[in-house]
Amino acid sequence: MSKWIRKGDKVVVIAGNSKGKSGEVLFRKDDRVIIQDVNMRKKHLRKTQEAPNGRIIEMEMPLHISNVCLCDKEGNPLNVRSRKNKEGERELVYGKAGTDVVYRSVRKV
């Protein structure tokens, strides 16, 4: 689910032109995320004293959060859910081979 995604998580794109690419979330604001080396676009910069001829840079553009999904280290999408552990803290878990694997803890923001 998209509400669990936060900065630093590894995600995979599940829809759009960058479908199948994975990377780390660099920035999240509301319903948009910027992912490292995903959805790259060229930006033309005007002439300045530092760059007299202008220049073209490549930068990551935001994606809608509904187009990304949390993934494991290999880049496979995960279905995560929330549960409470023995200490009463909430954590995100996903099922693998019949057992629950802890993805990370859920902190209150």
N, C-alpha and C. Protein backbone atom coordinates (compact mmCIF):
# COMPACT_ATOMS: atom_id res chain seq x y z
N MET A 1 0.84 -1.19 0.00
CA MET A 1 0.00 0.00 0.00
C MET A 1 0.88 1.24 0.00
N SER A 2 0.39 2.26 -0.65
CA SER A 2 1.20 3.45 -0.83
C SER A 2 1.36 4.27 0.45
N LYS A 3 0.47 4.12 1.41
CA LYS A 3 0.60 4.95 2.61
C LYS A 3 1.81 4.55 3.46
N TRP A 4 2.38 3.37 3.24
CA TRP A 4 3.52 2.93 4.01
C TRP A 4 4.85 3.38 3.42
N ILE A 5 4.84 3.93 2.23
CA ILE A 5 6.09 4.31 1.57
C ILE A 5 6.63 5.60 2.18
N ARG A 6 7.92 5.60 2.48
CA ARG A 6 8.57 6.79 3.01
C ARG A 6 9.99 6.88 2.47
N LYS A 7 10.65 7.98 2.77
CA LYS A 7 12.01 8.24 2.28
C LYS A 7 12.95 7.12 2.73
N GLY A 8 13.77 6.64 1.80
CA GLY A 8 14.74 5.60 2.12
C GLY A 8 14.27 4.19 1.78
N ASP A 9 12.98 4.00 1.50
CA ASP A 9 12.47 2.67 1.15
C ASP A 9 12.85 2.32 -0.27
N LYS A 10 13.00 1.03 -0.54
CA LYS A 10 13.25 0.54 -1.89
C LYS A 10 11.91 0.21 -2.51
N VAL A 11 11.65 0.79 -3.69
CA VAL A 11 10.37 0.60 -4.36
C VAL A 11 10.59 0.19 -5.81
N VAL A 12 9.55 -0.38 -6.41
CA VAL A 12 9.56 -0.73 -7.82
C VAL A 12 8.38 -0.04 -8.47
N VAL A 13 8.58 0.44 -9.72
CA VAL A 13 7.51 1.11 -10.45
C VAL A 13 6.63 0.04 -11.09
N ILE A 14 5.31 0.13 -10.87
CA ILE A 14 4.39 -0.89 -11.37
C ILE A 14 3.54 -0.39 -12.52
N ALA A 15 3.64 0.89 -12.89
CA ALA A 15 2.87 1.43 -14.00
C ALA A 15 3.59 2.63 -14.59
N GLY A 16 3.39 2.87 -15.89
CA GLY A 16 3.96 4.04 -16.55
C GLY A 16 5.16 3.68 -17.41
N ASN A 17 5.83 4.71 -17.91
CA ASN A 17 6.97 4.52 -18.81
C ASN A 17 8.15 3.85 -18.14
N SER A 18 8.31 4.01 -16.85
CA SER A 18 9.44 3.43 -16.12
C SER A 18 9.07 2.12 -15.45
N LYS A 19 8.05 1.45 -15.93
CA LYS A 19 7.57 0.22 -15.32
C LYS A 19 8.68 -0.82 -15.22
N GLY A 20 8.83 -1.42 -14.04
CA GLY A 20 9.84 -2.44 -13.83
C GLY A 20 11.12 -1.94 -13.20
N LYS A 21 11.37 -0.64 -13.24
CA LYS A 21 12.58 -0.09 -12.65
C LYS A 21 12.41 0.04 -11.15
N SER A 22 13.50 -0.12 -10.42
CA SER A 22 13.43 0.00 -8.97
C SER A 22 14.52 0.95 -8.48
N GLY A 23 14.31 1.50 -7.32
CA GLY A 23 15.26 2.43 -6.73
C GLY A 23 14.82 2.86 -5.35
N GLU A 24 15.61 3.73 -4.76
CA GLU A 24 15.34 4.21 -3.41
C GLU A 24 14.56 5.53 -3.48
N VAL A 25 13.62 5.69 -2.56
CA VAL A 25 12.83 6.91 -2.50
C VAL A 25 13.71 8.02 -1.93
N LEU A 26 13.89 9.09 -2.72
CA LEU A 26 14.70 10.23 -2.29
C LEU A 26 13.86 11.28 -1.58
N PHE A 27 12.59 11.41 -2.00
CA PHE A 27 11.74 12.49 -1.50
C PHE A 27 10.28 12.08 -1.63
N ARG A 28 9.47 12.41 -0.63
CA ARG A 28 8.04 12.18 -0.72
C ARG A 28 7.31 13.40 -0.20
N LYS A 29 6.33 13.83 -0.98
CA LYS A 29 5.47 14.93 -0.54
C LYS A 29 4.07 14.61 -1.01
N ASP A 30 3.15 14.48 -0.07
CA ASP A 30 1.75 14.16 -0.33
C ASP A 30 1.65 12.88 -1.16
N ASP A 31 1.20 12.98 -2.40
CA ASP A 31 1.00 11.78 -3.22
C ASP A 31 2.04 11.65 -4.33
N ARG A 32 3.19 12.29 -4.18
CA ARG A 32 4.26 12.23 -5.18
C ARG A 32 5.55 11.73 -4.53
N VAL A 33 6.30 10.93 -5.27
CA VAL A 33 7.61 10.45 -4.80
C VAL A 33 8.64 10.66 -5.89
N ILE A 34 9.88 10.91 -5.48
CA ILE A 34 11.00 10.98 -6.41
C ILE A 34 11.89 9.79 -6.08
N ILE A 35 12.19 8.99 -7.11
CA ILE A 35 12.95 7.77 -6.94
C ILE A 35 14.29 7.92 -7.66
N GLN A 36 15.35 7.46 -7.02
CA GLN A 36 16.70 7.60 -7.55
C GLN A 36 16.83 6.88 -8.89
N ASP A 37 17.29 7.60 -9.93
CA ASP A 37 17.55 7.09 -11.28
C ASP A 37 16.32 6.50 -11.96
N VAL A 38 15.13 6.97 -11.61
CA VAL A 38 13.89 6.52 -12.26
C VAL A 38 13.14 7.75 -12.73
N ASN A 39 12.48 7.66 -13.90
CA ASN A 39 11.71 8.75 -14.50
C ASN A 39 12.61 9.96 -14.76
N MET A 40 13.74 9.70 -15.43
CA MET A 40 14.70 10.75 -15.73
C MET A 40 14.20 11.61 -16.89
N ARG A 41 14.34 12.92 -16.76
CA ARG A 41 13.96 13.88 -17.79
C ARG A 41 15.10 14.87 -17.97
N LYS A 42 15.19 15.45 -19.18
CA LYS A 42 16.21 16.45 -19.46
C LYS A 42 15.65 17.84 -19.21
N LYS A 43 16.45 18.68 -18.57
CA LYS A 43 16.04 20.05 -18.30
C LYS A 43 17.06 20.97 -18.95
N HIS A 44 16.57 21.92 -19.73
CA HIS A 44 17.42 22.89 -20.41
C HIS A 44 17.58 24.11 -19.52
N LEU A 45 18.84 24.47 -19.21
CA LEU A 45 19.12 25.63 -18.37
C LEU A 45 19.60 26.77 -19.24
N ARG A 46 19.18 27.96 -18.89
CA ARG A 46 19.54 29.13 -19.68
C ARG A 46 21.00 29.52 -19.48
N LYS A 47 21.45 30.42 -20.31
CA LYS A 47 22.83 30.90 -20.24
C LYS A 47 23.03 31.72 -18.96
N THR A 48 24.15 31.45 -18.30
CA THR A 48 24.53 32.22 -17.12
C THR A 48 26.03 32.51 -17.20
N GLN A 49 26.55 33.25 -16.23
CA GLN A 49 27.98 33.52 -16.23
C GLN A 49 28.78 32.24 -15.96
N GLU A 50 28.22 31.32 -15.17
CA GLU A 50 28.92 30.07 -14.89
C GLU A 50 28.89 29.14 -16.10
N ALA A 51 27.80 29.17 -16.86
CA ALA A 51 27.66 28.33 -18.06
C ALA A 51 27.27 29.23 -19.22
N PRO A 52 28.24 29.83 -19.92
CA PRO A 52 27.93 30.81 -20.96
C PRO A 52 27.11 30.25 -22.13
N ASN A 53 27.20 28.96 -22.37
CA ASN A 53 26.43 28.37 -23.46
C ASN A 53 25.15 27.71 -22.98
N GLY A 54 24.86 27.81 -21.71
CA GLY A 54 23.72 27.07 -21.17
C GLY A 54 24.11 25.60 -21.05
N ARG A 55 23.19 24.79 -20.60
CA ARG A 55 23.49 23.37 -20.52
C ARG A 55 22.20 22.57 -20.36
N ILE A 56 22.33 21.27 -20.51
CA ILE A 56 21.20 20.35 -20.35
C ILE A 56 21.57 19.39 -19.23
N ILE A 57 20.70 19.28 -18.24
CA ILE A 57 20.94 18.35 -17.15
C ILE A 57 19.82 17.30 -17.13
N GLU A 58 20.14 16.15 -16.57
CA GLU A 58 19.12 15.11 -16.38
C GLU A 58 18.75 15.08 -14.91
N MET A 59 17.46 15.00 -14.64
CA MET A 59 17.01 14.98 -13.26
C MET A 59 15.81 14.05 -13.12
N GLU A 60 15.61 13.55 -11.88
CA GLU A 60 14.47 12.69 -11.60
C GLU A 60 13.23 13.54 -11.43
N MET A 61 12.15 13.09 -12.03
CA MET A 61 10.88 13.79 -11.90
C MET A 61 9.96 12.96 -11.01
N PRO A 62 8.98 13.61 -10.37
CA PRO A 62 8.11 12.89 -9.45
C PRO A 62 7.17 11.92 -10.16
N LEU A 63 6.84 10.85 -9.45
CA LEU A 63 5.84 9.87 -9.88
C LEU A 63 4.70 9.89 -8.87
N HIS A 64 3.51 9.53 -9.32
CA HIS A 64 2.41 9.40 -8.38
C HIS A 64 2.64 8.16 -7.54
N ILE A 65 2.31 8.25 -6.27
CA ILE A 65 2.62 7.18 -5.33
C ILE A 65 1.85 5.90 -5.60
N SER A 66 0.74 6.00 -6.35
CA SER A 66 -0.03 4.80 -6.67
C SER A 66 0.66 3.95 -7.74
N ASN A 67 1.68 4.51 -8.41
CA ASN A 67 2.40 3.79 -9.45
C ASN A 67 3.64 3.07 -8.93
N VAL A 68 3.87 3.09 -7.62
CA VAL A 68 5.03 2.40 -7.06
C VAL A 68 4.58 1.45 -5.96
N CYS A 69 5.43 0.46 -5.68
CA CYS A 69 5.13 -0.55 -4.69
C CYS A 69 6.42 -0.89 -3.95
N LEU A 70 6.34 -1.18 -2.66
CA LEU A 70 7.52 -1.60 -1.91
C LEU A 70 8.06 -2.89 -2.50
N CYS A 71 9.38 -3.06 -2.46
CA CYS A 71 9.97 -4.27 -3.03
C CYS A 71 11.10 -4.77 -2.13
N ASP A 72 11.51 -6.02 -2.37
CA ASP A 72 12.62 -6.58 -1.61
C ASP A 72 13.95 -6.23 -2.30
N LYS A 73 15.04 -6.81 -1.83
CA LYS A 73 16.36 -6.46 -2.36
C LYS A 73 16.53 -6.86 -3.82
N GLU A 74 15.81 -7.90 -4.26
CA GLU A 74 15.91 -8.35 -5.66
C GLU A 74 15.02 -7.54 -6.59
N GLY A 75 14.13 -6.71 -6.06
CA GLY A 75 13.25 -5.90 -6.88
C GLY A 75 11.89 -6.51 -7.11
N ASN A 76 11.53 -7.54 -6.33
CA ASN A 76 10.22 -8.16 -6.45
C ASN A 76 9.20 -7.40 -5.61
N PRO A 77 8.02 -7.06 -6.15
CA PRO A 77 7.02 -6.31 -5.39
C PRO A 77 6.54 -7.10 -4.17
N LEU A 78 6.23 -6.38 -3.11
CA LEU A 78 5.77 -6.99 -1.87
C LEU A 78 4.38 -6.49 -1.49
N ASN A 79 3.59 -7.36 -0.91
CA ASN A 79 2.34 -6.96 -0.28
C ASN A 79 2.60 -6.92 1.21
N VAL A 80 2.67 -5.73 1.76
CA VAL A 80 2.98 -5.58 3.18
C VAL A 80 1.70 -5.32 3.96
N ARG A 81 1.76 -5.67 5.24
CA ARG A 81 0.66 -5.38 6.15
C ARG A 81 1.26 -4.97 7.48
N SER A 82 0.44 -4.37 8.30
CA SER A 82 0.90 -3.89 9.60
C SER A 82 0.46 -4.85 10.69
N ARG A 83 1.33 -5.04 11.67
CA ARG A 83 0.96 -5.85 12.84
C ARG A 83 1.72 -5.32 14.05
N LYS A 84 1.29 -5.74 15.21
CA LYS A 84 1.97 -5.36 16.45
C LYS A 84 2.85 -6.51 16.89
N ASN A 85 4.08 -6.18 17.32
CA ASN A 85 4.97 -7.23 17.82
C ASN A 85 4.73 -7.43 19.31
N LYS A 86 5.56 -8.23 19.94
CA LYS A 86 5.36 -8.57 21.36
C LYS A 86 5.51 -7.37 22.28
N GLU A 87 6.32 -6.39 21.86
CA GLU A 87 6.50 -5.18 22.68
C GLU A 87 5.39 -4.17 22.46
N GLY A 88 4.49 -4.44 21.54
CA GLY A 88 3.38 -3.53 21.26
C GLY A 88 3.68 -2.50 20.20
N GLU A 89 4.84 -2.59 19.55
CA GLU A 89 5.20 -1.65 18.49
C GLU A 89 4.69 -2.17 17.16
N ARG A 90 4.31 -1.26 16.28
CA ARG A 90 3.82 -1.64 14.96
C ARG A 90 4.98 -1.86 14.02
N GLU A 91 4.84 -2.85 13.14
CA GLU A 91 5.86 -3.14 12.15
C GLU A 91 5.21 -3.63 10.87
N LEU A 92 5.90 -3.41 9.75
CA LEU A 92 5.43 -3.87 8.45
C LEU A 92 6.00 -5.26 8.20
N VAL A 93 5.14 -6.19 7.78
CA VAL A 93 5.58 -7.55 7.50
C VAL A 93 5.03 -7.99 6.15
N TYR A 94 5.71 -8.93 5.54
CA TYR A 94 5.24 -9.55 4.31
C TYR A 94 5.45 -11.05 4.43
N GLY A 95 4.62 -11.82 3.73
CA GLY A 95 4.71 -13.27 3.80
C GLY A 95 5.69 -13.81 2.78
N LYS A 96 6.52 -14.75 3.22
CA LYS A 96 7.47 -15.41 2.32
C LYS A 96 7.64 -16.84 2.78
N ALA A 97 7.31 -17.79 1.93
CA ALA A 97 7.44 -19.22 2.22
C ALA A 97 6.66 -19.61 3.47
N GLY A 98 5.48 -19.04 3.64
CA GLY A 98 4.62 -19.40 4.76
C GLY A 98 4.96 -18.75 6.08
N THR A 99 5.96 -17.89 6.12
CA THR A 99 6.32 -17.21 7.36
C THR A 99 6.26 -15.71 7.15
N ASP A 100 6.14 -14.97 8.25
CA ASP A 100 6.12 -13.51 8.18
C ASP A 100 7.54 -12.97 8.33
N VAL A 101 7.92 -12.11 7.41
CA VAL A 101 9.24 -11.48 7.44
C VAL A 101 9.03 -10.00 7.74
N VAL A 102 9.77 -9.46 8.69
CA VAL A 102 9.64 -8.06 9.08
C VAL A 102 10.35 -7.20 8.05
N TYR A 103 9.63 -6.23 7.48
CA TYR A 103 10.21 -5.30 6.50
C TYR A 103 10.89 -4.15 7.24
N ARG A 104 10.16 -3.47 8.12
CA ARG A 104 10.71 -2.42 8.97
C ARG A 104 9.66 -2.05 10.01
N SER A 105 10.05 -1.27 11.00
CA SER A 105 9.09 -0.81 12.00
C SER A 105 8.35 0.41 11.47
N VAL A 106 7.19 0.65 12.04
CA VAL A 106 6.37 1.80 11.65
C VAL A 106 6.47 2.82 12.77
N ARG A 107 7.01 3.97 12.44
CA ARG A 107 7.10 5.02 13.45
C ARG A 107 5.96 6.00 13.27
N LYS A 108 5.58 6.64 14.33
CA LYS A 108 4.53 7.65 14.24
C LYS A 108 5.15 8.96 13.81
N VAL A 109 4.53 9.59 12.83
CA VAL A 109 5.06 10.84 12.28
C VAL A 109 4.22 11.99 12.74
